[in-house]
């Protein structure tokens, strides 16, 4: 895992079966576009989180492809329907091949 990269996720601990919940995710990442130059005038290599996915009990909920224009520390907020108790798995994919994951369980209310 690259230095300083940290995923954070907020998911309700409980939900009623079939209800819609709000999920918030943020990953701390500098997101270099590959177009900036350092003090020596050299191009800083591109380094971004290029893909984000969320699954619930193995089923895809959302998939986002990201481009260099995305901001530092990308934040996503979205709704998902929870049909049963289970786990959300969140995955961020970095240009350098690193993969960051977070898992959050949801129980039935």
PDB file of N, CA and C in Angstrom:
ATOM      1  N   UNK A   1       0.856  -1.177   0.000  1.00  0.00           N
ATOM      2  CA  UNK A   1       0.000   0.000   0.000  1.00  0.00           C
ATOM      3  C   UNK A   1       0.895   1.231   0.000  1.00  0.00           C
ATOM      4  N   UNK A   2       0.609   2.153  -0.889  1.00  0.00           N
ATOM      5  CA  UNK A   2       1.396   3.381  -0.994  1.00  0.00           C
ATOM      6  C   UNK A   2       1.267   4.210   0.278  1.00  0.00           C
ATOM      7  N   UNK A   3       2.317   4.930   0.564  1.00  0.00           N
ATOM      8  CA  UNK A   3       2.350   5.757   1.767  1.00  0.00           C
ATOM      9  C   UNK A   3       1.255   6.815   1.750  1.00  0.00           C
ATOM     10  N   UNK A   4       0.516   6.911   2.839  1.00  0.00           N
ATOM     11  CA  UNK A   4      -0.495   7.954   2.975  1.00  0.00           C
ATOM     12  C   UNK A   4      -1.835   7.658   2.338  1.00  0.00           C
ATOM     13  N   UNK A   5      -1.973   6.551   1.619  1.00  0.00           N
ATOM     14  CA  UNK A   5      -3.245   6.221   0.983  1.00  0.00           C
ATOM     15  C   UNK A   5      -4.104   5.485   1.999  1.00  0.00           C
ATOM     16  N   UNK A   6      -5.286   6.054   2.279  1.00  0.00           N
ATOM     17  CA  UNK A   6      -6.140   5.462   3.307  1.00  0.00           C
ATOM     18  C   UNK A   6      -7.606   5.574   2.890  1.00  0.00           C
ATOM     19  N   UNK A   7      -8.291   4.433   2.688  1.00  0.00           N
ATOM     20  CA  UNK A   7      -9.717   4.486   2.390  1.00  0.00           C
ATOM     21  C   UNK A   7     -10.548   4.635   3.662  1.00  0.00           C
ATOM     22  N   UNK A   8     -11.630   5.413   3.560  1.00  0.00           N
ATOM     23  CA  UNK A   8     -12.588   5.558   4.661  1.00  0.00           C
ATOM     24  C   UNK A   8     -13.987   5.363   4.097  1.00  0.00           C
ATOM     25  N   UNK A   9     -14.813   4.649   4.857  1.00  0.00           N
ATOM     26  CA  UNK A   9     -16.160   4.316   4.401  1.00  0.00           C
ATOM     27  C   UNK A   9     -17.137   4.509   5.550  1.00  0.00           C
ATOM     28  N   UNK A  10     -18.301   5.078   5.237  1.00  0.00           N
ATOM     29  CA  UNK A  10     -19.368   5.222   6.228  1.00  0.00           C
ATOM     30  C   UNK A  10     -20.615   4.519   5.687  1.00  0.00           C
ATOM     31  N   UNK A  11     -21.027   3.464   6.404  1.00  0.00           N
ATOM     32  CA  UNK A  11     -22.188   2.655   6.042  1.00  0.00           C
ATOM     33  C   UNK A  11     -22.988   2.435   7.322  1.00  0.00           C
ATOM     34  N   UNK A  12     -24.331   2.558   7.273  1.00  0.00           N
ATOM     35  CA  UNK A  12     -25.117   2.261   8.482  1.00  0.00           C
ATOM     36  C   UNK A  12     -24.861   0.827   8.950  1.00  0.00           C
ATOM     37  N   UNK A  13     -24.829   0.623  10.261  1.00  0.00           N
ATOM     38  CA  UNK A  13     -24.579  -0.713  10.814  1.00  0.00           C
ATOM     39  C   UNK A  13     -25.789  -1.623  10.653  1.00  0.00           C
ATOM     40  N   UNK A  14     -26.995  -1.021  10.625  1.00  0.00           N
ATOM     41  CA  UNK A  14     -28.219  -1.802  10.451  1.00  0.00           C
ATOM     42  C   UNK A  14     -29.116  -1.126   9.425  1.00  0.00           C
ATOM     43  N   UNK A  15     -29.979  -1.940   8.815  1.00  0.00           N
ATOM     44  CA  UNK A  15     -30.948  -1.431   7.837  1.00  0.00           C
ATOM     45  C   UNK A  15     -32.113  -2.411   7.768  1.00  0.00           C
ATOM     46  N   UNK A  16     -33.264  -1.912   7.397  1.00  0.00           N
ATOM     47  CA  UNK A  16     -34.424  -2.778   7.180  1.00  0.00           C
ATOM     48  C   UNK A  16     -34.279  -3.461   5.822  1.00  0.00           C
ATOM     49  N   UNK A  17     -34.697  -4.723   5.732  1.00  0.00           N
ATOM     50  CA  UNK A  17     -34.616  -5.458   4.474  1.00  0.00           C
ATOM     51  C   UNK A  17     -35.332  -4.692   3.367  1.00  0.00           C
ATOM     52  N   UNK A  18     -34.664  -4.502   2.247  1.00  0.00           N
ATOM     53  CA  UNK A  18     -35.240  -3.801   1.102  1.00  0.00           C
ATOM     54  C   UNK A  18     -35.110  -2.293   1.160  1.00  0.00           C
ATOM     55  N   UNK A  19     -34.523  -1.766   2.230  1.00  0.00           N
ATOM     56  CA  UNK A  19     -34.411  -0.311   2.347  1.00  0.00           C
ATOM     57  C   UNK A  19     -33.203   0.215   1.566  1.00  0.00           C
ATOM     58  N   UNK A  20     -33.260   1.502   1.290  1.00  0.00           N
ATOM     59  CA  UNK A  20     -32.175   2.191   0.598  1.00  0.00           C
ATOM     60  C   UNK A  20     -31.337   2.923   1.646  1.00  0.00           C
ATOM     61  N   UNK A  21     -30.030   2.729   1.587  1.00  0.00           N
ATOM     62  CA  UNK A  21     -29.132   3.394   2.532  1.00  0.00           C
ATOM     63  C   UNK A  21     -28.163   4.295   1.777  1.00  0.00           C
ATOM     64  N   UNK A  22     -27.613   5.266   2.476  1.00  0.00           N
ATOM     65  CA  UNK A  22     -26.614   6.157   1.891  1.00  0.00           C
ATOM     66  C   UNK A  22     -25.232   5.700   2.337  1.00  0.00           C
ATOM     67  N   UNK A  23     -24.340   5.583   1.370  1.00  0.00           N
ATOM     68  CA  UNK A  23     -22.965   5.159   1.613  1.00  0.00           C
ATOM     69  C   UNK A  23     -22.045   6.303   1.210  1.00  0.00           C
ATOM     70  N   UNK A  24     -21.039   6.562   2.050  1.00  0.00           N
ATOM     71  CA  UNK A  24     -20.056   7.604   1.753  1.00  0.00           C
ATOM     72  C   UNK A  24     -18.667   6.983   1.796  1.00  0.00           C
ATOM     73  N   UNK A  25     -17.860   7.276   0.767  1.00  0.00           N
ATOM     74  CA  UNK A  25     -16.486   6.783   0.733  1.00  0.00           C
ATOM     75  C   UNK A  25     -15.540   7.916   0.388  1.00  0.00           C
ATOM     76  N   UNK A  26     -14.337   7.838   0.932  1.00  0.00           N
ATOM     77  CA  UNK A  26     -13.286   8.798   0.620  1.00  0.00           C
ATOM     78  C   UNK A  26     -11.963   8.050   0.711  1.00  0.00           C
ATOM     79  N   UNK A  27     -11.078   8.326  -0.234  1.00  0.00           N
ATOM     80  CA  UNK A  27      -9.742   7.741  -0.152  1.00  0.00           C
ATOM     81  C   UNK A  27      -8.723   8.870  -0.228  1.00  0.00           C
ATOM     82  N   UNK A  28      -7.823   8.894   0.725  1.00  0.00           N
ATOM     83  CA  UNK A  28      -6.766   9.902   0.748  1.00  0.00           C
ATOM     84  C   UNK A  28      -5.714   9.508  -0.282  1.00  0.00           C
ATOM     85  N   UNK A  29      -5.583  10.315  -1.336  1.00  0.00           N
ATOM     86  CA  UNK A  29      -4.639  10.017  -2.416  1.00  0.00           C
ATOM     87  C   UNK A  29      -4.317  11.318  -3.128  1.00  0.00           C
ATOM     88  N   UNK A  30      -3.049  11.539  -3.453  1.00  0.00           N
ATOM     89  CA  UNK A  30      -2.624  12.809  -4.052  1.00  0.00           C
ATOM     90  C   UNK A  30      -3.111  13.008  -5.485  1.00  0.00           C
ATOM     91  N   UNK A  31      -3.379  11.941  -6.220  1.00  0.00           N
ATOM     92  CA  UNK A  31      -3.938  12.010  -7.572  1.00  0.00           C
ATOM     93  C   UNK A  31      -3.119  12.916  -8.509  1.00  0.00           C
ATOM     94  N   UNK A  32      -1.935  12.487  -8.890  1.00  0.00           N
ATOM     95  CA  UNK A  32      -1.106  13.227  -9.851  1.00  0.00           C
ATOM     96  C   UNK A  32      -1.590  12.942 -11.267  1.00  0.00           C
ATOM     97  N   UNK A  33      -1.861  13.981 -12.041  1.00  0.00           N
ATOM     98  CA  UNK A  33      -2.431  13.850 -13.380  1.00  0.00           C
ATOM     99  C   UNK A  33      -1.430  13.433 -14.446  1.00  0.00           C
ATOM    100  N   UNK A  34      -0.132  13.589 -14.172  1.00  0.00           N
ATOM    101  CA  UNK A  34       0.878  13.302 -15.193  1.00  0.00           C
ATOM    102  C   UNK A  34       1.168  14.504 -16.068  1.00  0.00           C
ATOM    103  N   UNK A  35       0.623  15.658 -15.706  1.00  0.00           N
ATOM    104  CA  UNK A  35       0.807  16.881 -16.499  1.00  0.00           C
ATOM    105  C   UNK A  35       1.543  17.982 -15.744  1.00  0.00           C
ATOM    106  N   UNK A  36       1.710  17.789 -14.445  1.00  0.00           N
ATOM    107  CA  UNK A  36       2.427  18.809 -13.656  1.00  0.00           C
ATOM    108  C   UNK A  36       3.925  18.536 -13.697  1.00  0.00           C
ATOM    109  N   UNK A  37       4.697  19.589 -13.434  1.00  0.00           N
ATOM    110  CA  UNK A  37       6.152  19.454 -13.384  1.00  0.00           C
ATOM    111  C   UNK A  37       6.645  19.721 -11.967  1.00  0.00           C
ATOM    112  N   UNK A  38       7.760  19.056 -11.620  1.00  0.00           N
ATOM    113  CA  UNK A  38       8.368  19.298 -10.316  1.00  0.00           C
ATOM    114  C   UNK A  38       9.266  20.537 -10.399  1.00  0.00           C
ATOM    115  N   UNK A  39       9.973  20.850  -9.318  1.00  0.00           N
ATOM    116  CA  UNK A  39      10.811  22.053  -9.269  1.00  0.00           C
ATOM    117  C   UNK A  39      11.935  22.025 -10.287  1.00  0.00           C
ATOM    118  N   UNK A  40      12.367  20.827 -10.686  1.00  0.00           N
ATOM    119  CA  UNK A  40      13.435  20.687 -11.681  1.00  0.00           C
ATOM    120  C   UNK A  40      12.904  20.736 -13.109  1.00  0.00           C
ATOM    121  N   UNK A  41      11.585  20.892 -13.254  1.00  0.00           N
ATOM    122  CA  UNK A  41      10.982  20.955 -14.588  1.00  0.00           C
ATOM    123  C   UNK A  41      10.638  19.607 -15.189  1.00  0.00           C
ATOM    124  N   UNK A  42      10.811  18.554 -14.413  1.00  0.00           N
ATOM    125  CA  UNK A  42      10.488  17.206 -14.891  1.00  0.00           C
ATOM    126  C   UNK A  42       9.010  16.910 -14.650  1.00  0.00           C
ATOM    127  N   UNK A  43       8.419  16.195 -15.580  1.00  0.00           N
ATOM    128  CA  UNK A  43       7.009  15.812 -15.440  1.00  0.00           C
ATOM    129  C   UNK A  43       6.872  14.824 -14.280  1.00  0.00           C
ATOM    130  N   UNK A  44       5.898  15.087 -13.414  1.00  0.00           N
ATOM    131  CA  UNK A  44       5.582  14.162 -12.320  1.00  0.00           C
ATOM    132  C   UNK A  44       4.720  13.054 -12.917  1.00  0.00           C
ATOM    133  N   UNK A  45       5.128  11.796 -12.783  1.00  0.00           N
ATOM    134  CA  UNK A  45       4.364  10.697 -13.404  1.00  0.00           C
ATOM    135  C   UNK A  45       2.917  10.632 -12.907  1.00  0.00           C
ATOM    136  N   UNK A  46       2.042  10.216 -13.813  1.00  0.00           N
ATOM    137  CA  UNK A  46       0.636  10.045 -13.454  1.00  0.00           C
ATOM    138  C   UNK A  46       0.528   9.005 -12.345  1.00  0.00           C
ATOM    139  N   UNK A  47      -0.293   9.305 -11.355  1.00  0.00           N
ATOM    140  CA  UNK A  47      -0.570   8.383 -10.258  1.00  0.00           C
ATOM    141  C   UNK A  47      -1.947   8.717  -9.724  1.00  0.00           C
ATOM    142  N   UNK A  48      -2.955   7.999 -10.221  1.00  0.00           N
ATOM    143  CA  UNK A  48      -4.323   8.244  -9.773  1.00  0.00           C
ATOM    144  C   UNK A  48      -4.998   6.929  -9.393  1.00  0.00           C
ATOM    145  N   UNK A  49      -6.044   7.056  -8.586  1.00  0.00           N
ATOM    146  CA  UNK A  49      -6.974   5.950  -8.398  1.00  0.00           C
ATOM    147  C   UNK A  49      -7.811   5.959  -9.677  1.00  0.00           C
ATOM    148  N   UNK A  50      -7.710   4.883 -10.471  1.00  0.00           N
ATOM    149  CA  UNK A  50      -8.371   4.895 -11.780  1.00  0.00           C
ATOM    150  C   UNK A  50      -9.696   4.148 -11.822  1.00  0.00           C
ATOM    151  N   UNK A  51     -10.020   3.429 -10.730  1.00  0.00           N
ATOM    152  CA  UNK A  51     -11.277   2.667 -10.715  1.00  0.00           C
ATOM    153  C   UNK A  51     -11.711   2.450  -9.278  1.00  0.00           C
ATOM    154  N   UNK A  52     -13.017   2.517  -9.050  1.00  0.00           N
ATOM    155  CA  UNK A  52     -13.615   2.257  -7.744  1.00  0.00           C
ATOM    156  C   UNK A  52     -14.805   1.339  -7.945  1.00  0.00           C
ATOM    157  N   UNK A  53     -14.914   0.306  -7.109  1.00  0.00           N
ATOM    158  CA  UNK A  53     -16.070  -0.589  -7.184  1.00  0.00           C
ATOM    159  C   UNK A  53     -16.631  -0.819  -5.786  1.00  0.00           C
ATOM    160  N   UNK A  54     -17.921  -1.111  -5.743  1.00  0.00           N
ATOM    161  CA  UNK A  54     -18.574  -1.513  -4.503  1.00  0.00           C
ATOM    162  C   UNK A  54     -19.452  -2.717  -4.824  1.00  0.00           C
ATOM    163  N   UNK A  55     -19.396  -3.705  -3.939  1.00  0.00           N
ATOM    164  CA  UNK A  55     -20.210  -4.913  -4.081  1.00  0.00           C
ATOM    165  C   UNK A  55     -20.942  -5.165  -2.775  1.00  0.00           C
ATOM    166  N   UNK A  56     -22.119  -5.776  -2.880  1.00  0.00           N
ATOM    167  CA  UNK A  56     -22.843  -6.229  -1.691  1.00  0.00           C
ATOM    168  C   UNK A  56     -23.071  -7.719  -1.847  1.00  0.00           C
ATOM    169  N   UNK A  57     -22.534  -8.498  -0.920  1.00  0.00           N
ATOM    170  CA  UNK A  57     -22.618  -9.964  -0.968  1.00  0.00           C
ATOM    171  C   UNK A  57     -22.218 -10.502  -2.345  1.00  0.00           C
ATOM    172  N   UNK A  58     -21.164  -9.929  -2.912  1.00  0.00           N
ATOM    173  CA  UNK A  58     -20.632 -10.395  -4.193  1.00  0.00           C
ATOM    174  C   UNK A  58     -21.313  -9.840  -5.428  1.00  0.00           C
ATOM    175  N   UNK A  59     -22.365  -9.059  -5.259  1.00  0.00           N
ATOM    176  CA  UNK A  59     -23.080  -8.474  -6.399  1.00  0.00           C
ATOM    177  C   UNK A  59     -22.662  -7.017  -6.579  1.00  0.00           C
ATOM    178  N   UNK A  60     -22.377  -6.633  -7.816  1.00  0.00           N
ATOM    179  CA  UNK A  60     -21.938  -5.262  -8.103  1.00  0.00           C
ATOM    180  C   UNK A  60     -23.019  -4.246  -7.746  1.00  0.00           C
ATOM    181  N   UNK A  61     -22.617  -3.180  -7.059  1.00  0.00           N
ATOM    182  CA  UNK A  61     -23.508  -2.085  -6.704  1.00  0.00           C
ATOM    183  C   UNK A  61     -23.174  -0.859  -7.551  1.00  0.00           C
ATOM    184  N   UNK A  62     -21.863  -0.570  -7.686  1.00  0.00           N
ATOM    185  CA  UNK A  62     -21.425   0.593  -8.454  1.00  0.00           C
ATOM    186  C   UNK A  62     -20.003   0.345  -8.946  1.00  0.00           C
ATOM    187  N   UNK A  63     -19.699   0.884 -10.120  1.00  0.00           N
ATOM    188  CA  UNK A  63     -18.334   0.863 -10.653  1.00  0.00           C
ATOM    189  C   UNK A  63     -18.077   2.215 -11.289  1.00  0.00           C
ATOM    190  N   UNK A  64     -16.956   2.834 -10.917  1.00  0.00           N
ATOM    191  CA  UNK A  64     -16.607   4.165 -11.412  1.00  0.00           C
ATOM    192  C   UNK A  64     -15.215   4.107 -12.021  1.00  0.00           C
ATOM    193  N   UNK A  65     -15.091   4.572 -13.253  1.00  0.00           N
ATOM    194  CA  UNK A  65     -13.786   4.719 -13.889  1.00  0.00           C
ATOM    195  C   UNK A  65     -13.385   6.183 -13.745  1.00  0.00           C
ATOM    196  N   UNK A  66     -12.139   6.432 -13.308  1.00  0.00           N
ATOM    197  CA  UNK A  66     -11.686   7.799 -13.060  1.00  0.00           C
ATOM    198  C   UNK A  66     -10.589   8.194 -14.038  1.00  0.00           C
ATOM    199  N   UNK A  67     -10.558   9.464 -14.367  1.00  0.00           N
ATOM    200  CA  UNK A  67      -9.585  10.033 -15.284  1.00  0.00           C
ATOM    201  C   UNK A  67      -8.701  11.020 -14.538  1.00  0.00           C
ATOM    202  N   UNK A  68      -7.582  11.459 -15.131  1.00  0.00           N
ATOM    203  CA  UNK A  68      -6.648  12.352 -14.424  1.00  0.00           C
ATOM    204  C   UNK A  68      -7.259  13.656 -13.917  1.00  0.00           C
ATOM    205  N   UNK A  69      -8.357  14.104 -14.451  1.00  0.00           N
ATOM    206  CA  UNK A  69      -8.952  15.378 -14.015  1.00  0.00           C
ATOM    207  C   UNK A  69      -9.658  15.279 -12.665  1.00  0.00           C
ATOM    208  N   UNK A  70      -9.781  14.068 -12.099  1.00  0.00           N
ATOM    209  CA  UNK A  70     -10.459  13.925 -10.813  1.00  0.00           C
ATOM    210  C   UNK A  70      -9.633  14.578  -9.704  1.00  0.00           C
ATOM    211  N   UNK A  71     -10.315  15.069  -8.695  1.00  0.00           N
ATOM    212  CA  UNK A  71      -9.638  15.801  -7.619  1.00  0.00           C
ATOM    213  C   UNK A  71      -8.867  14.875  -6.688  1.00  0.00           C
ATOM    214  N   UNK A  72      -8.003  15.483  -5.916  1.00  0.00           N
ATOM    215  CA  UNK A  72      -7.295  14.789  -4.840  1.00  0.00           C
ATOM    216  C   UNK A  72      -8.329  14.254  -3.850  1.00  0.00           C
ATOM    217  N   UNK A  73      -8.040  13.120  -3.232  1.00  0.00           N
ATOM    218  CA  UNK A  73      -8.899  12.521  -2.204  1.00  0.00           C
ATOM    219  C   UNK A  73     -10.334  12.325  -2.692  1.00  0.00           C
ATOM    220  N   UNK A  74     -10.541  11.501  -3.723  1.00  0.00           N
ATOM    221  CA  UNK A  74     -11.890  11.342  -4.281  1.00  0.00           C
ATOM    222  C   UNK A  74     -12.925  10.849  -3.265  1.00  0.00           C
ATOM    223  N   UNK A  75     -14.073  11.511  -3.277  1.00  0.00           N
ATOM    224  CA  UNK A  75     -15.195  11.236  -2.381  1.00  0.00           C
ATOM    225  C   UNK A  75     -16.386  10.805  -3.228  1.00  0.00           C
ATOM    226  N   UNK A  76     -17.040   9.726  -2.825  1.00  0.00           N
ATOM    227  CA  UNK A  76     -18.262   9.277  -3.491  1.00  0.00           C
ATOM    228  C   UNK A  76     -19.350   9.083  -2.454  1.00  0.00           C
ATOM    229  N   UNK A  77     -20.549   9.531  -2.789  1.00  0.00           N
ATOM    230  CA  UNK A  77     -21.735   9.285  -1.975  1.00  0.00           C
ATOM    231  C   UNK A  77     -22.788   8.703  -2.908  1.00  0.00           C
ATOM    232  N   UNK A  78     -23.362   7.569  -2.515  1.00  0.00           N
ATOM    233  CA  UNK A  78     -24.368   6.927  -3.353  1.00  0.00           C
ATOM    234  C   UNK A  78     -25.322   6.128  -2.477  1.00  0.00           C
ATOM    235  N   UNK A  79     -26.449   5.756  -3.058  1.00  0.00           N
ATOM    236  CA  UNK A  79     -27.456   4.963  -2.357  1.00  0.00           C
ATOM    237  C   UNK A  79     -27.402   3.527  -2.869  1.00  0.00           C
ATOM    238  N   UNK A  80     -27.717   2.608  -1.970  1.00  0.00           N
ATOM    239  CA  UNK A  80     -27.781   1.190  -2.330  1.00  0.00           C
ATOM    240  C   UNK A  80     -28.941   0.551  -1.578  1.00  0.00           C
ATOM    241  N   UNK A  81     -29.599  -0.391  -2.217  1.00  0.00           N
ATOM    242  CA  UNK A  81     -30.677  -1.142  -1.583  1.00  0.00           C
ATOM    243  C   UNK A  81     -30.071  -2.363  -0.893  1.00  0.00           C
ATOM    244  N   UNK A  82     -30.516  -2.596   0.331  1.00  0.00           N
ATOM    245  CA  UNK A  82     -30.000  -3.709   1.130  1.00  0.00           C
ATOM    246  C   UNK A  82     -31.109  -4.756   1.258  1.00  0.00           C
ATOM    247  N   UNK A  83     -31.040  -5.835   0.470  1.00  0.00           N
ATOM    248  CA  UNK A  83     -32.106  -6.833   0.514  1.00  0.00           C
ATOM    249  C   UNK A  83     -32.023  -7.781   1.703  1.00  0.00           C
ATOM    250  N   UNK A  84     -30.841  -7.870   2.313  1.00  0.00           N
ATOM    251  CA  UNK A  84     -30.604  -8.830   3.393  1.00  0.00           C
ATOM    252  C   UNK A  84     -29.360  -8.406   4.156  1.00  0.00           C
ATOM    253  N   UNK A  85     -29.086  -9.069   5.272  1.00  0.00           N
ATOM    254  CA  UNK A  85     -27.845  -8.813   6.006  1.00  0.00           C
ATOM    255  C   UNK A  85     -26.673  -9.239   5.134  1.00  0.00           C
ATOM    256  N   UNK A  86     -25.556  -8.557   5.273  1.00  0.00           N
ATOM    257  CA  UNK A  86     -24.396  -8.942   4.481  1.00  0.00           C
ATOM    258  C   UNK A  86     -23.263  -7.954   4.586  1.00  0.00           C
ATOM    259  N   UNK A  87     -22.353  -8.041   3.611  1.00  0.00           N
ATOM    260  CA  UNK A  87     -21.164  -7.202   3.614  1.00  0.00           C
ATOM    261  C   UNK A  87     -21.026  -6.419   2.324  1.00  0.00           C
ATOM    262  N   UNK A  88     -20.661  -5.175   2.499  1.00  0.00           N
ATOM    263  CA  UNK A  88     -20.238  -4.349   1.374  1.00  0.00           C
ATOM    264  C   UNK A  88     -18.728  -4.463   1.272  1.00  0.00           C
ATOM    265  N   UNK A  89     -18.228  -4.633   0.062  1.00  0.00           N
ATOM    266  CA  UNK A  89     -16.787  -4.630  -0.186  1.00  0.00           C
ATOM    267  C   UNK A  89     -16.499  -3.480  -1.145  1.00  0.00           C
ATOM    268  N   UNK A  90     -15.597  -2.601  -0.740  1.00  0.00           N
ATOM    269  CA  UNK A  90     -15.217  -1.432  -1.521  1.00  0.00           C
ATOM    270  C   UNK A  90     -13.775  -1.617  -1.980  1.00  0.00           C
ATOM    271  N   UNK A  91     -13.504  -1.362  -3.261  1.00  0.00           N
ATOM    272  CA  UNK A  91     -12.167  -1.563  -3.809  1.00  0.00           C
ATOM    273  C   UNK A  91     -11.768  -0.371  -4.670  1.00  0.00           C
ATOM    274  N   UNK A  92     -10.557   0.132  -4.412  1.00  0.00           N
ATOM    275  CA  UNK A  92      -9.980   1.227  -5.188  1.00  0.00           C
ATOM    276  C   UNK A  92      -8.748   0.676  -5.896  1.00  0.00           C
ATOM    277  N   UNK A  93      -8.571   0.989  -7.180  1.00  0.00           N
ATOM    278  CA  UNK A  93      -7.452   0.501  -7.976  1.00  0.00           C
ATOM    279  C   UNK A  93      -6.555   1.677  -8.361  1.00  0.00           C
ATOM    280  N   UNK A  94      -5.261   1.554  -8.067  1.00  0.00           N
ATOM    281  CA  UNK A  94      -4.273   2.605  -8.304  1.00  0.00           C
ATOM    282  C   UNK A  94      -3.511   2.320  -9.601  1.00  0.00           C
ATOM    283  N   UNK A  95      -3.062   3.384 -10.281  1.00  0.00           N
ATOM    284  CA  UNK A  95      -2.261   3.230 -11.496  1.00  0.00           C
ATOM    285  C   UNK A  95      -1.035   2.342 -11.287  1.00  0.00           C
ATOM    286  N   UNK A  96      -0.450   2.391 -10.094  1.00  0.00           N
ATOM    287  CA  UNK A  96       0.783   1.638  -9.850  1.00  0.00           C
ATOM    288  C   UNK A  96       0.533   0.163  -9.530  1.00  0.00           C
ATOM    289  N   UNK A  97      -0.723  -0.266  -9.620  1.00  0.00           N
ATOM    290  CA  UNK A  97      -1.058  -1.666  -9.373  1.00  0.00           C
ATOM    291  C   UNK A  97      -1.544  -1.953  -7.969  1.00  0.00           C
ATOM    292  N   UNK A  98      -1.395  -0.976  -7.050  1.00  0.00           N
ATOM    293  CA  UNK A  98      -1.897  -1.183  -5.695  1.00  0.00           C
ATOM    294  C   UNK A  98      -3.422  -1.254  -5.700  1.00  0.00           C
ATOM    295  N   UNK A  99      -3.952  -2.065  -4.805  1.00  0.00           N
ATOM    296  CA  UNK A  99      -5.397  -2.205  -4.630  1.00  0.00           C
ATOM    297  C   UNK A  99      -5.688  -1.975  -3.157  1.00  0.00           C
ATOM    298  N   UNK A 100      -6.671  -1.126  -2.874  1.00  0.00           N
ATOM    299  CA  UNK A 100      -7.051  -0.803  -1.503  1.00  0.00           C
ATOM    300  C   UNK A 100      -8.475  -1.283  -1.293  1.00  0.00           C
ATOM    301  N   UNK A 101      -8.716  -1.927  -0.155  1.00  0.00           N
ATOM    302  CA  UNK A 101     -10.043  -2.481   0.115  1.00  0.00           C
ATOM    303  C   UNK A 101     -10.537  -2.102   1.497  1.00  0.00           C
ATOM    304  N   UNK A 102     -11.846  -2.057   1.606  1.00  0.00           N
ATOM    305  CA  UNK A 102     -12.517  -1.872   2.892  1.00  0.00           C
ATOM    306  C   UNK A 102     -13.782  -2.727   2.851  1.00  0.00           C
ATOM    307  N   UNK A 103     -14.128  -3.302   3.984  1.00  0.00           N
ATOM    308  CA  UNK A 103     -15.327  -4.144   4.091  1.00  0.00           C
ATOM    309  C   UNK A 103     -16.145  -3.648   5.270  1.00  0.00           C
ATOM    310  N   UNK A 104     -17.459  -3.513   5.041  1.00  0.00           N
ATOM    311  CA  UNK A 104     -18.377  -3.076   6.102  1.00  0.00           C
ATOM    312  C   UNK A 104     -19.597  -3.984   6.105  1.00  0.00           C
ATOM    313  N   UNK A 105     -19.957  -4.462   7.276  1.00  0.00           N
ATOM    314  CA  UNK A 105     -21.123  -5.333   7.426  1.00  0.00           C
ATOM    315  C   UNK A 105     -22.361  -4.497   7.719  1.00  0.00           C
ATOM    316  N   UNK A 106     -23.508  -5.005   7.258  1.00  0.00           N
ATOM    317  CA  UNK A 106     -24.808  -4.409   7.551  1.00  0.00           C
ATOM    318  C   UNK A 106     -25.707  -5.526   8.082  1.00  0.00           C
ATOM    319  N   UNK A 107     -26.268  -5.285   9.277  1.00  0.00           N
ATOM    320  CA  UNK A 107     -27.193  -6.248   9.894  1.00  0.00           C
ATOM    321  C   UNK A 107     -28.621  -5.777   9.643  1.00  0.00           C
ATOM    322  N   UNK A 108     -29.569  -6.674   9.750  1.00  0.00           N
ATOM    323  CA  UNK A 108     -30.973  -6.308   9.581  1.00  0.00           C
ATOM    324  C   UNK A 108     -31.481  -5.693  10.880  1.00  0.00           C
ATOM    325  N   UNK A 109     -32.249  -4.625  10.707  1.00  0.00           N
ATOM    326  CA  UNK A 109     -32.806  -3.906  11.874  1.00  0.00           C
ATOM    327  C   UNK A 109     -34.055  -4.597  12.359  1.00  0.00           C
TER     328      UNK A 109
END
